[in-house]
Amino acid sequence: WQLVDVPQPVLTNDEMPMYCQSSKWLSMNVLSISPTKVICEEQEKPLQDLLSSHGFEVFPIPFRNVFEYGGSLHCATWDIHRDGDRQDYFP
């Protein structure tokens, strides 16, 4: 694992949708679809660039309007079933 600082979100807290209960850092909420592929909100170009520079293939999609409901890509796609045992990646 390599921990990196993410760039500032494109939106500020003042620009978040009126009823959104999340912070601007909701921009980090991406969906990993494989070890090298992630889906990212299309307006978050700085985050897309960071992920690309670390070898990820980024698929930008429009998802900003969902922020108002308190989540983004990862939150909107909960697991139904996983194979194997639960793992702690940060012991």
N, C-alpha and C. Protein backbone atom coordinates (compact mmCIF):
# COMPACT_ATOMS: atom_id res chain seq x y z
N TRP A 1 0.84 -1.18 0.00
CA TRP A 1 0.00 0.00 0.00
C TRP A 1 0.88 1.24 0.00
N GLN A 2 0.43 2.24 -0.74
CA GLN A 2 1.10 3.53 -0.73
C GLN A 2 0.05 4.58 -0.41
N LEU A 3 0.21 5.27 0.72
CA LEU A 3 -0.73 6.32 1.08
C LEU A 3 -0.31 7.62 0.42
N VAL A 4 -1.26 8.29 -0.21
CA VAL A 4 -0.97 9.56 -0.89
C VAL A 4 -2.00 10.60 -0.45
N ASP A 5 -1.60 11.86 -0.49
CA ASP A 5 -2.52 12.95 -0.21
C ASP A 5 -3.33 13.22 -1.47
N VAL A 6 -4.63 13.29 -1.31
CA VAL A 6 -5.48 13.58 -2.47
C VAL A 6 -5.56 15.08 -2.69
N PRO A 7 -5.79 15.50 -3.93
CA PRO A 7 -5.93 16.93 -4.20
C PRO A 7 -7.23 17.47 -3.60
N GLN A 8 -7.27 18.78 -3.43
CA GLN A 8 -8.50 19.43 -2.96
C GLN A 8 -9.64 19.10 -3.90
N PRO A 9 -10.84 18.88 -3.36
CA PRO A 9 -12.00 18.62 -4.21
C PRO A 9 -12.32 19.82 -5.09
N VAL A 10 -12.94 19.56 -6.22
CA VAL A 10 -13.33 20.64 -7.13
C VAL A 10 -14.38 21.53 -6.48
N LEU A 11 -15.35 20.92 -5.80
CA LEU A 11 -16.39 21.69 -5.11
C LEU A 11 -15.93 22.07 -3.71
N THR A 12 -16.34 23.24 -3.24
CA THR A 12 -16.12 23.61 -1.85
C THR A 12 -17.36 23.23 -1.06
N ASN A 13 -17.27 23.29 0.27
CA ASN A 13 -18.45 22.98 1.09
C ASN A 13 -19.60 23.92 0.77
N ASP A 14 -19.30 25.18 0.41
CA ASP A 14 -20.34 26.15 0.09
C ASP A 14 -21.08 25.80 -1.19
N GLU A 15 -20.45 25.02 -2.06
CA GLU A 15 -21.06 24.67 -3.34
C GLU A 15 -21.78 23.32 -3.32
N MET A 16 -21.70 22.63 -2.20
CA MET A 16 -22.36 21.33 -2.11
C MET A 16 -23.87 21.52 -2.18
N PRO A 17 -24.61 20.54 -2.67
CA PRO A 17 -26.06 20.66 -2.76
C PRO A 17 -26.69 21.00 -1.41
N MET A 18 -27.79 21.70 -1.44
CA MET A 18 -28.42 22.26 -0.25
C MET A 18 -28.63 21.24 0.88
N TYR A 19 -29.11 20.08 0.57
CA TYR A 19 -29.45 19.11 1.62
C TYR A 19 -28.38 18.05 1.83
N CYS A 20 -27.23 18.22 1.23
CA CYS A 20 -26.15 17.24 1.36
C CYS A 20 -25.59 17.27 2.79
N GLN A 21 -25.52 16.13 3.43
CA GLN A 21 -24.99 16.02 4.79
C GLN A 21 -23.52 15.58 4.80
N SER A 22 -22.90 15.54 3.64
CA SER A 22 -21.51 15.12 3.52
C SER A 22 -20.62 16.33 3.28
N SER A 23 -19.32 16.16 3.48
CA SER A 23 -18.38 17.24 3.21
C SER A 23 -17.92 17.20 1.76
N LYS A 24 -17.15 18.20 1.39
CA LYS A 24 -16.61 18.26 0.03
C LYS A 24 -15.72 17.06 -0.28
N TRP A 25 -15.20 16.40 0.77
CA TRP A 25 -14.31 15.26 0.59
C TRP A 25 -15.04 14.02 0.10
N LEU A 26 -16.34 14.14 -0.12
CA LEU A 26 -17.08 13.07 -0.76
C LEU A 26 -16.48 12.78 -2.14
N SER A 27 -15.71 13.72 -2.65
CA SER A 27 -15.05 13.55 -3.95
C SER A 27 -14.14 12.32 -3.97
N MET A 28 -13.63 11.90 -2.80
CA MET A 28 -12.75 10.73 -2.74
C MET A 28 -13.51 9.43 -2.84
N ASN A 29 -14.82 9.48 -2.81
CA ASN A 29 -15.65 8.29 -2.83
C ASN A 29 -15.71 7.76 -4.26
N VAL A 30 -14.78 6.86 -4.57
CA VAL A 30 -14.70 6.27 -5.91
C VAL A 30 -15.08 4.80 -5.81
N LEU A 31 -15.28 4.17 -6.93
CA LEU A 31 -15.63 2.75 -6.95
C LEU A 31 -14.54 1.98 -7.68
N SER A 32 -13.89 1.06 -6.97
CA SER A 32 -12.88 0.19 -7.58
C SER A 32 -13.60 -0.99 -8.22
N ILE A 33 -13.35 -1.18 -9.50
CA ILE A 33 -13.98 -2.30 -10.20
C ILE A 33 -12.99 -3.41 -10.51
N SER A 34 -11.72 -3.15 -10.26
CA SER A 34 -10.67 -4.16 -10.36
C SER A 34 -9.45 -3.58 -9.65
N PRO A 35 -8.37 -4.34 -9.50
CA PRO A 35 -7.19 -3.79 -8.85
C PRO A 35 -6.58 -2.58 -9.57
N THR A 36 -6.92 -2.38 -10.84
CA THR A 36 -6.32 -1.27 -11.60
C THR A 36 -7.34 -0.34 -12.25
N LYS A 37 -8.62 -0.54 -11.99
CA LYS A 37 -9.66 0.27 -12.64
C LYS A 37 -10.58 0.88 -11.58
N VAL A 38 -10.82 2.20 -11.71
CA VAL A 38 -11.72 2.89 -10.77
C VAL A 38 -12.68 3.78 -11.54
N ILE A 39 -13.87 3.94 -10.97
CA ILE A 39 -14.85 4.88 -11.50
C ILE A 39 -14.82 6.10 -10.59
N CYS A 40 -14.78 7.28 -11.19
CA CYS A 40 -14.63 8.52 -10.45
C CYS A 40 -15.63 9.55 -10.97
N GLU A 41 -16.07 10.47 -10.11
CA GLU A 41 -16.99 11.52 -10.54
C GLU A 41 -16.31 12.36 -11.61
N GLU A 42 -17.01 12.65 -12.68
CA GLU A 42 -16.39 13.26 -13.87
C GLU A 42 -15.81 14.65 -13.64
N GLN A 43 -16.32 15.40 -12.68
CA GLN A 43 -15.80 16.75 -12.46
C GLN A 43 -14.51 16.77 -11.63
N GLU A 44 -14.16 15.67 -11.02
CA GLU A 44 -12.98 15.61 -10.16
C GLU A 44 -11.71 15.30 -10.95
N LYS A 45 -11.37 16.17 -11.87
CA LYS A 45 -10.21 15.99 -12.75
C LYS A 45 -8.89 15.87 -11.97
N PRO A 46 -8.65 16.70 -10.93
CA PRO A 46 -7.39 16.52 -10.18
C PRO A 46 -7.26 15.13 -9.56
N LEU A 47 -8.34 14.60 -9.04
CA LEU A 47 -8.31 13.25 -8.48
C LEU A 47 -8.09 12.21 -9.57
N GLN A 48 -8.73 12.40 -10.70
CA GLN A 48 -8.53 11.48 -11.83
C GLN A 48 -7.07 11.47 -12.25
N ASP A 49 -6.46 12.65 -12.33
CA ASP A 49 -5.05 12.75 -12.71
C ASP A 49 -4.15 12.04 -11.71
N LEU A 50 -4.44 12.21 -10.41
CA LEU A 50 -3.65 11.54 -9.38
C LEU A 50 -3.75 10.03 -9.52
N LEU A 51 -4.96 9.54 -9.66
CA LEU A 51 -5.15 8.10 -9.80
C LEU A 51 -4.45 7.56 -11.05
N SER A 52 -4.57 8.29 -12.15
CA SER A 52 -3.90 7.88 -13.40
C SER A 52 -2.39 7.84 -13.22
N SER A 53 -1.84 8.82 -12.50
CA SER A 53 -0.39 8.87 -12.29
C SER A 53 0.12 7.71 -11.44
N HIS A 54 -0.78 7.05 -10.73
CA HIS A 54 -0.41 5.88 -9.92
C HIS A 54 -0.80 4.58 -10.61
N GLY A 55 -1.08 4.66 -11.91
CA GLY A 55 -1.29 3.45 -12.70
C GLY A 55 -2.72 2.96 -12.81
N PHE A 56 -3.67 3.74 -12.32
CA PHE A 56 -5.07 3.32 -12.42
C PHE A 56 -5.67 3.78 -13.75
N GLU A 57 -6.54 2.96 -14.29
CA GLU A 57 -7.35 3.37 -15.43
C GLU A 57 -8.63 3.95 -14.84
N VAL A 58 -8.90 5.22 -15.15
CA VAL A 58 -10.01 5.95 -14.54
C VAL A 58 -11.15 6.09 -15.53
N PHE A 59 -12.34 5.77 -15.06
CA PHE A 59 -13.55 5.92 -15.86
C PHE A 59 -14.40 7.02 -15.23
N PRO A 60 -14.36 8.24 -15.78
CA PRO A 60 -15.17 9.32 -15.21
C PRO A 60 -16.63 9.22 -15.65
N ILE A 61 -17.53 9.38 -14.69
CA ILE A 61 -18.96 9.37 -15.01
C ILE A 61 -19.65 10.51 -14.26
N PRO A 62 -20.76 11.02 -14.79
CA PRO A 62 -21.51 12.06 -14.07
C PRO A 62 -22.23 11.45 -12.87
N PHE A 63 -21.93 11.95 -11.67
CA PHE A 63 -22.57 11.41 -10.48
C PHE A 63 -22.78 12.48 -9.41
N ARG A 64 -22.48 13.74 -9.75
CA ARG A 64 -22.53 14.84 -8.78
C ARG A 64 -23.92 15.01 -8.17
N ASN A 65 -24.97 14.81 -8.93
CA ASN A 65 -26.32 15.03 -8.41
C ASN A 65 -26.69 14.05 -7.30
N VAL A 66 -25.98 12.96 -7.19
CA VAL A 66 -26.27 11.98 -6.15
C VAL A 66 -25.72 12.44 -4.79
N PHE A 67 -24.75 13.35 -4.78
CA PHE A 67 -24.15 13.83 -3.54
C PHE A 67 -25.21 14.29 -2.54
N GLU A 68 -26.26 14.91 -3.02
CA GLU A 68 -27.29 15.45 -2.14
C GLU A 68 -27.94 14.37 -1.28
N TYR A 69 -27.87 13.15 -1.72
CA TYR A 69 -28.49 12.06 -0.97
C TYR A 69 -27.53 11.39 0.00
N GLY A 70 -26.33 11.98 0.17
CA GLY A 70 -25.41 11.54 1.20
C GLY A 70 -24.42 10.47 0.82
N GLY A 71 -24.12 10.32 -0.43
CA GLY A 71 -23.13 9.34 -0.83
C GLY A 71 -22.69 9.55 -2.25
N SER A 72 -21.76 8.73 -2.67
CA SER A 72 -21.30 8.79 -4.05
C SER A 72 -21.13 7.36 -4.55
N LEU A 73 -20.18 7.17 -5.43
CA LEU A 73 -20.07 5.91 -6.17
C LEU A 73 -19.95 4.67 -5.28
N HIS A 74 -19.01 4.68 -4.35
CA HIS A 74 -18.81 3.51 -3.49
C HIS A 74 -20.03 3.27 -2.61
N CYS A 75 -20.57 4.34 -2.04
CA CYS A 75 -21.74 4.21 -1.15
C CYS A 75 -22.97 3.69 -1.89
N ALA A 76 -23.07 4.02 -3.15
CA ALA A 76 -24.25 3.63 -3.92
C ALA A 76 -24.18 2.20 -4.45
N THR A 77 -23.07 1.50 -4.19
CA THR A 77 -22.88 0.16 -4.74
C THR A 77 -22.42 -0.81 -3.67
N TRP A 78 -23.21 -1.03 -2.68
CA TRP A 78 -22.85 -1.93 -1.58
C TRP A 78 -22.73 -3.36 -2.06
N ASP A 79 -21.85 -4.10 -1.38
CA ASP A 79 -21.69 -5.53 -1.68
C ASP A 79 -22.94 -6.30 -1.29
N ILE A 80 -23.28 -7.25 -2.10
CA ILE A 80 -24.33 -8.19 -1.75
C ILE A 80 -23.70 -9.48 -1.25
N HIS A 81 -22.59 -9.86 -1.86
CA HIS A 81 -21.91 -11.09 -1.48
C HIS A 81 -20.43 -10.96 -1.82
N ARG A 82 -19.59 -11.43 -0.93
CA ARG A 82 -18.15 -11.50 -1.20
C ARG A 82 -17.67 -12.90 -0.91
N ASP A 83 -16.72 -13.37 -1.72
CA ASP A 83 -16.08 -14.66 -1.48
C ASP A 83 -14.94 -14.47 -0.49
N GLY A 84 -14.61 -15.50 0.25
CA GLY A 84 -13.46 -15.46 1.13
C GLY A 84 -13.77 -14.87 2.49
N ASP A 85 -12.72 -14.75 3.30
CA ASP A 85 -12.85 -14.23 4.66
C ASP A 85 -12.63 -12.73 4.69
N ARG A 86 -13.17 -12.11 5.72
CA ARG A 86 -12.97 -10.68 5.93
C ARG A 86 -11.49 -10.42 6.23
N GLN A 87 -10.93 -9.35 5.67
CA GLN A 87 -9.52 -9.03 5.88
C GLN A 87 -9.39 -7.63 6.44
N ASP A 88 -8.39 -7.42 7.31
CA ASP A 88 -8.07 -6.10 7.84
C ASP A 88 -6.83 -5.62 7.09
N TYR A 89 -6.98 -4.60 6.26
CA TYR A 89 -5.87 -4.10 5.45
C TYR A 89 -5.02 -3.08 6.20
N PHE A 90 -5.47 -2.63 7.36
CA PHE A 90 -4.72 -1.65 8.15
C PHE A 90 -4.60 -2.14 9.59
N PRO A 91 -3.85 -3.24 9.81
CA PRO A 91 -3.74 -3.79 11.18
C PRO A 91 -3.00 -2.84 12.11
